[in-house]
Amino acid sequence: LERQLLPTLTPDADVRRLLRIPGAGKVAAFTLHLEIGGIARSPDVRAFCSYGRLVPGAKHSGGKAATERGSARTKDGNRSLTLAFSHAAVRAIRYSLYYPEIRAWYRQRLRTQGATVARAPVAEELARIAYHVRARRQPFDGLFKGPPLSRTKQLQWPAGGPPRTPSPAA
């Protein structure tokens, strides 16, 4: 599947911008590009994070007492976006050589929360980054929760797309 999508999606400018997000590899960038579709359907970053199932859901029952809850996760939204951002968060945390600021931010939360709960805000911040990259059509500016990252990703391929392999008919 990756071999079939690579020549089609890599030359796309949106995919190339998504590839620069910390933790986002080829498959994650392809998934994000295809699942997000038109960014215009999300009016703001909060709606986008909600659609990606990265924030707690809320159920309200018309103001009746004791029926409101705000901490429950719902199954509304796009599961593929949730998985893509979660995997990107794991990779961004794991590669501390490239992103020590992200790992430090995660470890600060890990002291008081479990690993899964501490990883969720990292995935949410990556979703915020992806939203702004897509909405503004500008490359990732290297900021994570305010301070700049010490390193940013470089493109894996030249501007023309992925490297071409010689045909076997030679």
Protein backbone atom coordinates (compact mmCIF):
# COMPACT_ATOMS: atom_id res chain seq x y z
CA LEU A 1 0.00 0.00 0.00
CA GLU A 2 2.83 2.37 0.88
CA ARG A 3 4.55 1.63 -2.44
CA GLN A 4 1.36 2.54 -4.32
CA LEU A 5 0.73 5.74 -2.36
CA LEU A 6 4.32 6.99 -2.33
CA PRO A 7 4.49 8.31 -5.93
CA THR A 8 0.99 9.80 -5.73
CA LEU A 9 1.08 11.53 -2.36
CA THR A 10 4.71 12.53 -1.82
CA PRO A 11 4.78 15.31 -4.45
CA ASP A 12 1.73 16.87 -2.72
CA ALA A 13 2.74 20.04 -0.84
CA ASP A 14 0.43 19.29 2.12
CA VAL A 15 1.98 15.85 2.62
CA ARG A 16 5.47 17.33 2.46
CA ARG A 17 4.54 19.87 5.16
CA LEU A 18 2.99 17.14 7.34
CA LEU A 19 6.18 15.09 7.06
CA ARG A 20 8.04 17.81 9.00
CA ILE A 21 5.83 17.43 12.08
CA PRO A 22 7.70 15.71 14.94
CA GLY A 23 7.01 11.98 15.03
CA ALA A 24 5.10 11.91 11.73
CA GLY A 25 6.54 9.42 9.26
CA LYS A 26 5.39 8.64 5.74
CA VAL A 27 2.44 6.47 6.74
CA ALA A 28 1.29 8.94 9.40
CA ALA A 29 1.55 11.86 6.96
CA PHE A 30 -0.37 9.92 4.31
CA THR A 31 -3.04 8.98 6.86
CA LEU A 32 -3.36 12.54 8.13
CA HIS A 33 -3.58 13.97 4.62
CA LEU A 34 -6.23 11.51 3.48
CA GLU A 35 -8.30 11.55 6.68
CA ILE A 36 -8.27 15.30 7.22
CA GLY A 37 -9.39 16.01 3.67
CA GLY A 38 -10.46 19.63 3.46
CA ILE A 39 -9.34 21.48 6.56
CA ALA A 40 -12.18 23.98 6.03
CA ARG A 41 -14.68 21.58 7.62
CA SER A 42 -13.05 22.30 11.01
CA PRO A 43 -13.77 25.93 11.90
CA ASP A 44 -11.00 26.08 14.51
CA VAL A 45 -8.31 24.00 16.18
CA ARG A 46 -10.61 22.98 19.05
CA ALA A 47 -13.12 21.45 16.65
CA PHE A 48 -10.30 19.68 14.82
CA CYS A 49 -8.94 18.14 18.05
CA SER A 50 -12.44 17.09 18.99
CA TYR A 51 -12.97 15.48 15.58
CA GLY A 52 -9.68 13.64 16.04
CA ARG A 53 -10.89 12.24 19.40
CA LEU A 54 -7.96 13.83 21.22
CA VAL A 55 -9.90 15.72 23.89
CA PRO A 56 -12.32 14.46 26.54
CA GLY A 57 -15.94 14.29 25.47
CA ALA A 58 -18.86 15.75 27.36
CA LYS A 59 -22.40 14.57 27.75
CA HIS A 60 -25.07 17.00 28.85
CA SER A 61 -28.71 16.20 29.36
CA GLY A 62 -30.47 19.52 29.17
CA GLY A 63 -29.26 20.90 32.48
CA LYS A 64 -30.62 18.11 34.69
CA ALA A 65 -28.68 17.76 37.91
CA ALA A 66 -25.96 15.12 38.28
CA THR A 67 -26.06 14.09 34.62
CA GLU A 68 -23.22 16.17 33.25
CA ARG A 69 -19.80 14.68 32.91
CA GLY A 70 -16.77 16.08 31.21
CA SER A 71 -14.07 13.46 31.54
CA ALA A 72 -15.55 10.63 29.48
CA ARG A 73 -13.99 9.72 26.16
CA THR A 74 -16.57 9.24 23.46
CA LYS A 75 -16.42 7.28 20.25
CA ASP A 76 -17.45 10.31 18.18
CA GLY A 77 -14.91 11.48 15.66
CA ASN A 78 -12.28 9.93 13.45
CA ARG A 79 -10.49 6.90 14.89
CA SER A 80 -7.80 6.93 12.18
CA LEU A 81 -6.74 10.45 13.16
CA THR A 82 -6.57 9.36 16.80
CA LEU A 83 -4.28 6.47 15.93
CA ALA A 84 -2.08 8.54 13.62
CA PHE A 85 -1.56 11.28 16.21
CA SER A 86 -1.03 8.75 19.00
CA HIS A 87 1.64 6.92 17.02
CA ALA A 88 3.30 10.22 16.11
CA ALA A 89 3.31 11.17 19.80
CA VAL A 90 4.98 7.88 20.75
CA ARG A 91 7.68 8.39 18.14
CA ALA A 92 8.24 12.02 19.11
CA ILE A 93 8.63 11.03 22.77
CA ARG A 94 10.81 8.02 22.02
CA TYR A 95 13.34 9.85 19.85
CA SER A 96 14.73 12.05 22.59
CA LEU A 97 17.89 12.67 20.56
CA TYR A 98 15.82 14.63 18.03
CA TYR A 99 13.15 16.07 20.33
CA PRO A 100 14.49 16.42 23.91
CA GLU A 101 12.00 19.22 24.64
CA ILE A 102 9.03 16.98 23.81
CA ARG A 103 10.42 14.15 25.94
CA ALA A 104 11.07 16.52 28.87
CA TRP A 105 7.52 17.92 28.59
CA TYR A 106 6.14 14.36 28.56
CA ARG A 107 8.29 13.25 31.54
CA GLN A 108 7.09 16.23 33.54
CA ARG A 109 3.52 14.96 33.17
CA LEU A 110 4.56 11.34 33.66
CA ARG A 111 5.58 12.11 37.25
CA THR A 112 1.96 12.66 38.27
CA GLN A 113 0.02 10.73 35.60
CA GLY A 114 0.19 7.36 33.93
CA ALA A 115 1.99 6.89 30.61
CA THR A 116 -1.21 6.82 28.53
CA VAL A 117 -2.63 9.93 30.19
CA ALA A 118 0.70 11.78 29.91
CA ARG A 119 0.99 10.88 26.21
CA ALA A 120 -2.45 12.27 25.30
CA PRO A 121 -1.47 15.98 25.53
CA VAL A 122 1.53 15.32 23.28
CA ALA A 123 -0.80 13.83 20.66
CA GLU A 124 -3.15 16.79 21.08
CA GLU A 125 -0.32 19.28 20.57
CA LEU A 126 0.77 17.42 17.42
CA ALA A 127 -2.83 17.70 16.19
CA ARG A 128 -2.74 21.44 16.84
CA ILE A 129 0.48 21.67 14.85
CA ALA A 130 -1.03 19.65 11.99
CA TYR A 131 -4.12 21.86 11.95
CA HIS A 132 -2.07 25.05 11.67
CA VAL A 133 0.23 23.53 9.05
CA ARG A 134 -2.77 22.58 6.92
CA ALA A 135 -4.87 25.70 7.54
CA ARG A 136 -2.09 28.23 6.97
CA ARG A 137 -0.37 26.21 4.25
CA GLN A 138 2.99 26.98 5.85
CA PRO A 139 5.68 24.56 7.02
CA PHE A 140 6.03 23.63 10.70
CA ASP A 141 7.62 26.56 12.53
CA GLY A 142 9.54 24.43 15.04
CA LEU A 143 7.57 25.49 18.14
CA PHE A 144 6.22 22.95 20.62
CA LYS A 145 4.11 24.38 23.44
CA GLY A 146 5.82 27.76 23.07
CA PRO A 147 9.60 27.22 23.05
CA PRO A 148 11.34 26.20 19.84
CA LEU A 149 12.62 22.67 19.34
CA SER A 150 16.39 22.27 19.23
CA ARG A 151 16.08 20.33 15.94
CA THR A 152 13.49 20.10 13.23
CA LYS A 153 13.03 17.39 10.65
CA GLN A 154 14.52 17.78 7.22
CA LEU A 155 12.73 16.52 4.17
CA GLN A 156 13.61 12.96 3.28
CA TRP A 157 13.50 13.55 -0.46
CA PRO A 158 14.38 16.38 -2.82
CA ALA A 159 11.62 18.72 -3.97
CA GLY A 160 10.66 16.49 -6.89
CA GLY A 161 9.42 13.62 -4.71
CA PRO A 162 10.81 10.28 -3.59
CA PRO A 163 13.95 8.84 -5.11
CA ARG A 164 13.28 6.94 -8.28
CA THR A 165 14.41 3.33 -8.51
CA PRO A 166 15.84 2.14 -11.80
CA SER A 167 13.48 0.00 -13.82
CA PRO A 168 14.27 -3.74 -13.88
CA ALA A 169 14.03 -3.80 -17.70
CA ALA A 170 17.57 -2.39 -18.03
